[in-house]
Amino acid sequence: MENQELVLVYTANSYSDYLLAVSLLEEENIPFLVKNEGVQSLFGLGVVGTGFNPVTGPIELHVQGEDAERAVEILSSHED
């Protein structure tokens, strides 16, 4: 990714939600950055009861500003 503003477009409620969101963005060739994915089991009780680690926070997906609107549309069209 170039040095552009990154925009938070998705906060996962569970690991399976995160995987679905990643597949949707990849399918549309939208580059993204993942925050908190690799640290979910490092602190405290991991993801017990919450779907994410309460110390590190949920997994977040960020995209470049120019892709944000399209990414939000794609992700929101697949929410339950």
PDB file of N, CA and C in Angstrom:
ATOM      1  N   MET A   1       0.841  -1.184   0.000  1.00  0.00           N
ATOM      2  CA  MET A   1       0.000   0.000   0.000  1.00  0.00           C
ATOM      3  C   MET A   1       0.884   1.245   0.000  1.00  0.00           C
ATOM      4  N   GLU A   2       0.451   2.218  -0.740  1.00  0.00           N
ATOM      5  CA  GLU A   2       1.171   3.478  -0.760  1.00  0.00           C
ATOM      6  C   GLU A   2       0.904   4.232   0.531  1.00  0.00           C
ATOM      7  N   ASN A   3       1.614   5.342   0.718  1.00  0.00           N
ATOM      8  CA  ASN A   3       1.409   6.170   1.906  1.00  0.00           C
ATOM      9  C   ASN A   3       0.137   6.994   1.751  1.00  0.00           C
ATOM     10  N   GLN A   4      -0.987   6.375   1.991  1.00  0.00           N
ATOM     11  CA  GLN A   4      -2.280   7.029   1.920  1.00  0.00           C
ATOM     12  C   GLN A   4      -2.999   6.848   3.248  1.00  0.00           C
ATOM     13  N   GLU A   5      -3.999   7.660   3.444  1.00  0.00           N
ATOM     14  CA  GLU A   5      -4.812   7.543   4.649  1.00  0.00           C
ATOM     15  C   GLU A   5      -5.531   6.192   4.638  1.00  0.00           C
ATOM     16  N   LEU A   6      -5.461   5.492   5.772  1.00  0.00           N
ATOM     17  CA  LEU A   6      -6.193   4.236   5.913  1.00  0.00           C
ATOM     18  C   LEU A   6      -7.481   4.491   6.667  1.00  0.00           C
ATOM     19  N   VAL A   7      -8.533   3.829   6.253  1.00  0.00           N
ATOM     20  CA  VAL A   7      -9.860   4.025   6.829  1.00  0.00           C
ATOM     21  C   VAL A   7     -10.349   2.687   7.383  1.00  0.00           C
ATOM     22  N   LEU A   8     -10.822   2.709   8.617  1.00  0.00           N
ATOM     23  CA  LEU A   8     -11.424   1.520   9.217  1.00  0.00           C
ATOM     24  C   LEU A   8     -12.761   1.261   8.531  1.00  0.00           C
ATOM     25  N   VAL A   9     -12.892   0.067   7.937  1.00  0.00           N
ATOM     26  CA  VAL A   9     -14.141  -0.258   7.234  1.00  0.00           C
ATOM     27  C   VAL A   9     -14.876  -1.435   7.842  1.00  0.00           C
ATOM     28  N   TYR A  10     -14.194  -2.186   8.745  1.00  0.00           N
ATOM     29  CA  TYR A  10     -14.857  -3.360   9.295  1.00  0.00           C
ATOM     30  C   TYR A  10     -14.237  -3.748  10.625  1.00  0.00           C
ATOM     31  N   THR A  11     -15.085  -4.056  11.590  1.00  0.00           N
ATOM     32  CA  THR A  11     -14.673  -4.597  12.882  1.00  0.00           C
ATOM     33  C   THR A  11     -15.369  -5.941  13.039  1.00  0.00           C
ATOM     34  N   ALA A  12     -14.581  -7.002  13.166  1.00  0.00           N
ATOM     35  CA  ALA A  12     -15.134  -8.359  13.202  1.00  0.00           C
ATOM     36  C   ALA A  12     -15.691  -8.697  14.580  1.00  0.00           C
ATOM     37  N   ASN A  13     -16.840  -9.339  14.594  1.00  0.00           N
ATOM     38  CA  ASN A  13     -17.443  -9.832  15.831  1.00  0.00           C
ATOM     39  C   ASN A  13     -16.943 -11.225  16.188  1.00  0.00           C
ATOM     40  N   SER A  14     -16.368 -11.921  15.208  1.00  0.00           N
ATOM     41  CA  SER A  14     -15.836 -13.267  15.431  1.00  0.00           C
ATOM     42  C   SER A  14     -14.786 -13.543  14.361  1.00  0.00           C
ATOM     43  N   TYR A  15     -14.033 -14.606  14.571  1.00  0.00           N
ATOM     44  CA  TYR A  15     -13.005 -14.959  13.597  1.00  0.00           C
ATOM     45  C   TYR A  15     -13.627 -15.372  12.263  1.00  0.00           C
ATOM     46  N   SER A  16     -14.751 -16.047  12.309  1.00  0.00           N
ATOM     47  CA  SER A  16     -15.408 -16.454  11.059  1.00  0.00           C
ATOM     48  C   SER A  16     -15.916 -15.231  10.286  1.00  0.00           C
ATOM     49  N   ASP A  17     -16.414 -14.207  10.992  1.00  0.00           N
ATOM     50  CA  ASP A  17     -16.820 -12.967  10.328  1.00  0.00           C
ATOM     51  C   ASP A  17     -15.624 -12.305   9.655  1.00  0.00           C
ATOM     52  N   TYR A  18     -14.487 -12.322  10.346  1.00  0.00           N
ATOM     53  CA  TYR A  18     -13.258 -11.765   9.799  1.00  0.00           C
ATOM     54  C   TYR A  18     -12.863 -12.491   8.508  1.00  0.00           C
ATOM     55  N   LEU A  19     -12.900 -13.813   8.528  1.00  0.00           N
ATOM     56  CA  LEU A  19     -12.521 -14.582   7.340  1.00  0.00           C
ATOM     57  C   LEU A  19     -13.440 -14.301   6.158  1.00  0.00           C
ATOM     58  N   LEU A  20     -14.730 -14.151   6.421  1.00  0.00           N
ATOM     59  CA  LEU A  20     -15.677 -13.819   5.358  1.00  0.00           C
ATOM     60  C   LEU A  20     -15.357 -12.445   4.782  1.00  0.00           C
ATOM     61  N   ALA A  21     -15.112 -11.469   5.637  1.00  0.00           N
ATOM     62  CA  ALA A  21     -14.808 -10.115   5.178  1.00  0.00           C
ATOM     63  C   ALA A  21     -13.538 -10.095   4.331  1.00  0.00           C
ATOM     64  N   VAL A  22     -12.520 -10.826   4.764  1.00  0.00           N
ATOM     65  CA  VAL A  22     -11.274 -10.902   4.004  1.00  0.00           C
ATOM     66  C   VAL A  22     -11.528 -11.497   2.624  1.00  0.00           C
ATOM     67  N   SER A  23     -12.310 -12.564   2.565  1.00  0.00           N
ATOM     68  CA  SER A  23     -12.574 -13.189   1.265  1.00  0.00           C
ATOM     69  C   SER A  23     -13.343 -12.250   0.336  1.00  0.00           C
ATOM     70  N   LEU A  24     -14.264 -11.474   0.890  1.00  0.00           N
ATOM     71  CA  LEU A  24     -15.023 -10.526   0.071  1.00  0.00           C
ATOM     72  C   LEU A  24     -14.120  -9.429  -0.492  1.00  0.00           C
ATOM     73  N   LEU A  25     -13.231  -8.901   0.334  1.00  0.00           N
ATOM     74  CA  LEU A  25     -12.319  -7.858  -0.141  1.00  0.00           C
ATOM     75  C   LEU A  25     -11.328  -8.414  -1.159  1.00  0.00           C
ATOM     76  N   GLU A  26     -10.822  -9.602  -0.911  1.00  0.00           N
ATOM     77  CA  GLU A  26      -9.897 -10.220  -1.866  1.00  0.00           C
ATOM     78  C   GLU A  26     -10.574 -10.488  -3.206  1.00  0.00           C
ATOM     79  N   GLU A  27     -11.821 -10.938  -3.153  1.00  0.00           N
ATOM     80  CA  GLU A  27     -12.567 -11.212  -4.379  1.00  0.00           C
ATOM     81  C   GLU A  27     -12.725  -9.961  -5.234  1.00  0.00           C
ATOM     82  N   GLU A  28     -12.843  -8.807  -4.583  1.00  0.00           N
ATOM     83  CA  GLU A  28     -13.007  -7.534  -5.286  1.00  0.00           C
ATOM     84  C   GLU A  28     -11.673  -6.822  -5.535  1.00  0.00           C
ATOM     85  N   ASN A  29     -10.566  -7.492  -5.205  1.00  0.00           N
ATOM     86  CA  ASN A  29      -9.217  -6.929  -5.389  1.00  0.00           C
ATOM     87  C   ASN A  29      -9.032  -5.598  -4.671  1.00  0.00           C
ATOM     88  N   ILE A  30      -9.584  -5.503  -3.468  1.00  0.00           N
ATOM     89  CA  ILE A  30      -9.402  -4.316  -2.645  1.00  0.00           C
ATOM     90  C   ILE A  30      -8.297  -4.617  -1.636  1.00  0.00           C
ATOM     91  N   PRO A  31      -7.164  -3.910  -1.726  1.00  0.00           N
ATOM     92  CA  PRO A  31      -6.094  -4.144  -0.743  1.00  0.00           C
ATOM     93  C   PRO A  31      -6.519  -3.672   0.639  1.00  0.00           C
ATOM     94  N   PHE A  32      -6.080  -4.389   1.659  1.00  0.00           N
ATOM     95  CA  PHE A  32      -6.485  -4.049   3.021  1.00  0.00           C
ATOM     96  C   PHE A  32      -5.357  -4.327   3.994  1.00  0.00           C
ATOM     97  N   LEU A  33      -5.468  -3.754   5.163  1.00  0.00           N
ATOM     98  CA  LEU A  33      -4.542  -3.975   6.266  1.00  0.00           C
ATOM     99  C   LEU A  33      -5.355  -4.526   7.431  1.00  0.00           C
ATOM    100  N   VAL A  34      -4.817  -5.546   8.092  1.00  0.00           N
ATOM    101  CA  VAL A  34      -5.500  -6.167   9.223  1.00  0.00           C
ATOM    102  C   VAL A  34      -4.830  -5.714  10.515  1.00  0.00           C
ATOM    103  N   LYS A  35      -5.640  -5.326  11.498  1.00  0.00           N
ATOM    104  CA  LYS A  35      -5.126  -4.938  12.805  1.00  0.00           C
ATOM    105  C   LYS A  35      -5.675  -5.901  13.853  1.00  0.00           C
ATOM    106  N   ASN A  36      -4.840  -6.366  14.746  1.00  0.00           N
ATOM    107  CA  ASN A  36      -5.187  -7.213  15.895  1.00  0.00           C
ATOM    108  C   ASN A  36      -5.406  -8.682  15.570  1.00  0.00           C
ATOM    109  N   GLU A  37      -5.177  -9.126  14.358  1.00  0.00           N
ATOM    110  CA  GLU A  37      -5.437 -10.522  14.018  1.00  0.00           C
ATOM    111  C   GLU A  37      -4.434 -11.465  14.683  1.00  0.00           C
ATOM    112  N   GLY A  38      -3.177 -11.101  14.726  1.00  0.00           N
ATOM    113  CA  GLY A  38      -2.156 -11.996  15.241  1.00  0.00           C
ATOM    114  C   GLY A  38      -1.977 -11.997  16.740  1.00  0.00           C
ATOM    115  N   VAL A  39      -2.732 -11.178  17.460  1.00  0.00           N
ATOM    116  CA  VAL A  39      -2.541 -11.057  18.908  1.00  0.00           C
ATOM    117  C   VAL A  39      -3.740 -11.510  19.720  1.00  0.00           C
ATOM    118  N   GLN A  40      -4.702 -12.135  19.096  1.00  0.00           N
ATOM    119  CA  GLN A  40      -5.937 -12.498  19.793  1.00  0.00           C
ATOM    120  C   GLN A  40      -5.710 -13.490  20.936  1.00  0.00           C
ATOM    121  N   SER A  41      -4.706 -14.334  20.856  1.00  0.00           N
ATOM    122  CA  SER A  41      -4.482 -15.332  21.905  1.00  0.00           C
ATOM    123  C   SER A  41      -3.259 -15.031  22.771  1.00  0.00           C
ATOM    124  N   LEU A  42      -2.696 -13.851  22.651  1.00  0.00           N
ATOM    125  CA  LEU A  42      -1.483 -13.531  23.401  1.00  0.00           C
ATOM    126  C   LEU A  42      -1.730 -13.103  24.847  1.00  0.00           C
ATOM    127  N   PHE A  43      -2.856 -12.492  25.134  1.00  0.00           N
ATOM    128  CA  PHE A  43      -3.098 -11.910  26.451  1.00  0.00           C
ATOM    129  C   PHE A  43      -4.369 -12.467  27.088  1.00  0.00           C
ATOM    130  N   GLY A  44      -4.364 -12.558  28.395  1.00  0.00           N
ATOM    131  CA  GLY A  44      -5.563 -12.922  29.151  1.00  0.00           C
ATOM    132  C   GLY A  44      -6.139 -14.258  28.745  1.00  0.00           C
ATOM    133  N   LEU A  45      -7.431 -14.290  28.560  1.00  0.00           N
ATOM    134  CA  LEU A  45      -8.142 -15.530  28.250  1.00  0.00           C
ATOM    135  C   LEU A  45      -8.360 -15.743  26.764  1.00  0.00           C
ATOM    136  N   GLY A  46      -7.674 -14.997  25.942  1.00  0.00           N
ATOM    137  CA  GLY A  46      -7.884 -15.136  24.500  1.00  0.00           C
ATOM    138  C   GLY A  46      -9.225 -14.575  24.097  1.00  0.00           C
ATOM    139  N   VAL A  47      -9.994 -15.352  23.371  1.00  0.00           N
ATOM    140  CA  VAL A  47     -11.277 -14.869  22.848  1.00  0.00           C
ATOM    141  C   VAL A  47     -12.475 -15.480  23.573  1.00  0.00           C
ATOM    142  N   VAL A  48     -12.271 -16.007  24.752  1.00  0.00           N
ATOM    143  CA  VAL A  48     -13.326 -16.683  25.495  1.00  0.00           C
ATOM    144  C   VAL A  48     -14.503 -15.749  25.768  1.00  0.00           C
ATOM    145  N   GLY A  49     -15.672 -16.124  25.281  1.00  0.00           N
ATOM    146  CA  GLY A  49     -16.914 -15.428  25.596  1.00  0.00           C
ATOM    147  C   GLY A  49     -17.209 -14.168  24.819  1.00  0.00           C
ATOM    148  N   THR A  50     -16.232 -13.566  24.162  1.00  0.00           N
ATOM    149  CA  THR A  50     -16.472 -12.293  23.490  1.00  0.00           C
ATOM    150  C   THR A  50     -16.335 -12.354  21.987  1.00  0.00           C
ATOM    151  N   GLY A  51     -15.638 -13.349  21.462  1.00  0.00           N
ATOM    152  CA  GLY A  51     -15.367 -13.415  20.038  1.00  0.00           C
ATOM    153  C   GLY A  51     -14.078 -12.712  19.668  1.00  0.00           C
ATOM    154  N   PHE A  52     -13.543 -11.924  20.612  1.00  0.00           N
ATOM    155  CA  PHE A  52     -12.256 -11.258  20.414  1.00  0.00           C
ATOM    156  C   PHE A  52     -11.605 -11.064  21.769  1.00  0.00           C
ATOM    157  N   ASN A  53     -10.318 -10.779  21.768  1.00  0.00           N
ATOM    158  CA  ASN A  53      -9.586 -10.578  23.005  1.00  0.00           C
ATOM    159  C   ASN A  53      -9.903  -9.197  23.569  1.00  0.00           C
ATOM    160  N   PRO A  54     -10.429  -9.111  24.797  1.00  0.00           N
ATOM    161  CA  PRO A  54     -10.796  -7.809  25.363  1.00  0.00           C
ATOM    162  C   PRO A  54      -9.596  -6.911  25.646  1.00  0.00           C
ATOM    163  N   VAL A  55      -8.402  -7.467  25.735  1.00  0.00           N
ATOM    164  CA  VAL A  55      -7.207  -6.657  25.975  1.00  0.00           C
ATOM    165  C   VAL A  55      -6.755  -5.963  24.694  1.00  0.00           C
ATOM    166  N   THR A  56      -6.734  -6.700  23.582  1.00  0.00           N
ATOM    167  CA  THR A  56      -6.235  -6.148  22.321  1.00  0.00           C
ATOM    168  C   THR A  56      -7.332  -5.537  21.460  1.00  0.00           C
ATOM    169  N   GLY A  57      -8.562  -5.931  21.699  1.00  0.00           N
ATOM    170  CA  GLY A  57      -9.675  -5.436  20.894  1.00  0.00           C
ATOM    171  C   GLY A  57      -9.969  -6.361  19.735  1.00  0.00           C
ATOM    172  N   PRO A  58     -11.060  -6.096  19.024  1.00  0.00           N
ATOM    173  CA  PRO A  58     -11.465  -6.961  17.914  1.00  0.00           C
ATOM    174  C   PRO A  58     -10.547  -6.795  16.706  1.00  0.00           C
ATOM    175  N   ILE A  59     -10.649  -7.716  15.783  1.00  0.00           N
ATOM    176  CA  ILE A  59      -9.899  -7.636  14.536  1.00  0.00           C
ATOM    177  C   ILE A  59     -10.535  -6.550  13.669  1.00  0.00           C
ATOM    178  N   GLU A  60      -9.689  -5.701  13.099  1.00  0.00           N
ATOM    179  CA  GLU A  60     -10.166  -4.597  12.265  1.00  0.00           C
ATOM    180  C   GLU A  60      -9.563  -4.697  10.869  1.00  0.00           C
ATOM    181  N   LEU A  61     -10.346  -4.287   9.882  1.00  0.00           N
ATOM    182  CA  LEU A  61      -9.867  -4.206   8.502  1.00  0.00           C
ATOM    183  C   LEU A  61      -9.858  -2.743   8.077  1.00  0.00           C
ATOM    184  N   HIS A  62      -8.732  -2.312   7.532  1.00  0.00           N
ATOM    185  CA  HIS A  62      -8.554  -0.939   7.065  1.00  0.00           C
ATOM    186  C   HIS A  62      -8.216  -0.970   5.582  1.00  0.00           C
ATOM    187  N   VAL A  63      -8.731   0.001   4.835  1.00  0.00           N
ATOM    188  CA  VAL A  63      -8.424   0.123   3.410  1.00  0.00           C
ATOM    189  C   VAL A  63      -7.986   1.552   3.115  1.00  0.00           C
ATOM    190  N   GLN A  64      -7.448   1.755   1.917  1.00  0.00           N
ATOM    191  CA  GLN A  64      -7.089   3.094   1.495  1.00  0.00           C
ATOM    192  C   GLN A  64      -8.355   3.922   1.342  1.00  0.00           C
ATOM    193  N   GLY A  65      -8.223   5.215   1.586  1.00  0.00           N
ATOM    194  CA  GLY A  65      -9.368   6.110   1.529  1.00  0.00           C
ATOM    195  C   GLY A  65     -10.159   6.020   0.240  1.00  0.00           C
ATOM    196  N   GLU A  66      -9.460   5.851  -0.868  1.00  0.00           N
ATOM    197  CA  GLU A  66     -10.141   5.794  -2.161  1.00  0.00           C
ATOM    198  C   GLU A  66     -10.980   4.533  -2.333  1.00  0.00           C
ATOM    199  N   ASP A  67     -10.699   3.493  -1.556  1.00  0.00           N
ATOM    200  CA  ASP A  67     -11.449   2.232  -1.641  1.00  0.00           C
ATOM    201  C   ASP A  67     -12.495   2.080  -0.543  1.00  0.00           C
ATOM    202  N   ALA A  68     -12.538   3.021   0.379  1.00  0.00           N
ATOM    203  CA  ALA A  68     -13.367   2.862   1.577  1.00  0.00           C
ATOM    204  C   ALA A  68     -14.852   2.718   1.269  1.00  0.00           C
ATOM    205  N   GLU A  69     -15.387   3.576   0.441  1.00  0.00           N
ATOM    206  CA  GLU A  69     -16.830   3.535   0.161  1.00  0.00           C
ATOM    207  C   GLU A  69     -17.229   2.209  -0.479  1.00  0.00           C
ATOM    208  N   ARG A  70     -16.453   1.767  -1.449  1.00  0.00           N
ATOM    209  CA  ARG A  70     -16.750   0.499  -2.121  1.00  0.00           C
ATOM    210  C   ARG A  70     -16.621  -0.676  -1.154  1.00  0.00           C
ATOM    211  N   ALA A  71     -15.600  -0.657  -0.309  1.00  0.00           N
ATOM    212  CA  ALA A  71     -15.398  -1.743   0.656  1.00  0.00           C
ATOM    213  C   ALA A  71     -16.561  -1.819   1.639  1.00  0.00           C
ATOM    214  N   VAL A  72     -17.015  -0.693   2.128  1.00  0.00           N
ATOM    215  CA  VAL A  72     -18.135  -0.667   3.074  1.00  0.00           C
ATOM    216  C   VAL A  72     -19.391  -1.217   2.413  1.00  0.00           C
ATOM    217  N   GLU A  73     -19.632  -0.834   1.164  1.00  0.00           N
ATOM    218  CA  GLU A  73     -20.797  -1.360   0.442  1.00  0.00           C
ATOM    219  C   GLU A  73     -20.752  -2.882   0.319  1.00  0.00           C
ATOM    220  N   ILE A  74     -19.600  -3.393  -0.056  1.00  0.00           N
ATOM    221  CA  ILE A  74     -19.439  -4.839  -0.232  1.00  0.00           C
ATOM    222  C   ILE A  74     -19.629  -5.574   1.093  1.00  0.00           C
ATOM    223  N   LEU A  75     -18.988  -5.065   2.125  1.00  0.00           N
ATOM    224  CA  LEU A  75     -19.069  -5.734   3.428  1.00  0.00           C
ATOM    225  C   LEU A  75     -20.457  -5.628   4.053  1.00  0.00           C
ATOM    226  N   SER A  76     -21.096  -4.499   3.918  1.00  0.00           N
ATOM    227  CA  SER A  76     -22.425  -4.321   4.528  1.00  0.00           C
ATOM    228  C   SER A  76     -23.498  -5.117   3.793  1.00  0.00           C
ATOM    229  N   SER A  77     -23.287  -5.399   2.517  1.00  0.00           N
ATOM    230  CA  SER A  77     -24.279  -6.179   1.771  1.00  0.00           C
ATOM    231  C   SER A  77     -24.278  -7.644   2.185  1.00  0.00           C
ATOM    232  N   HIS A  78     -23.258  -8.081   2.924  1.00  0.00           N
ATOM    233  CA  HIS A  78     -23.171  -9.481   3.361  1.00  0.00           C
ATOM    234  C   HIS A  78     -23.363  -9.657   4.857  1.00  0.00           C
ATOM    235  N   GLU A  79     -23.800  -8.605   5.551  1.00  0.00           N
ATOM    236  CA  GLU A  79     -24.034  -8.734   6.997  1.00  0.00           C
ATOM    237  C   GLU A  79     -25.323  -9.495   7.236  1.00  0.00           C
ATOM    238  N   ASP A  80     -25.398 -10.130   8.402  1.00  0.00           N
ATOM    239  CA  ASP A  80     -26.617 -10.899   8.761  1.00  0.00           C
ATOM    240  C   ASP A  80     -27.785  -9.982   8.998  1.00  0.00           C
TER     241      ASP A  80
END
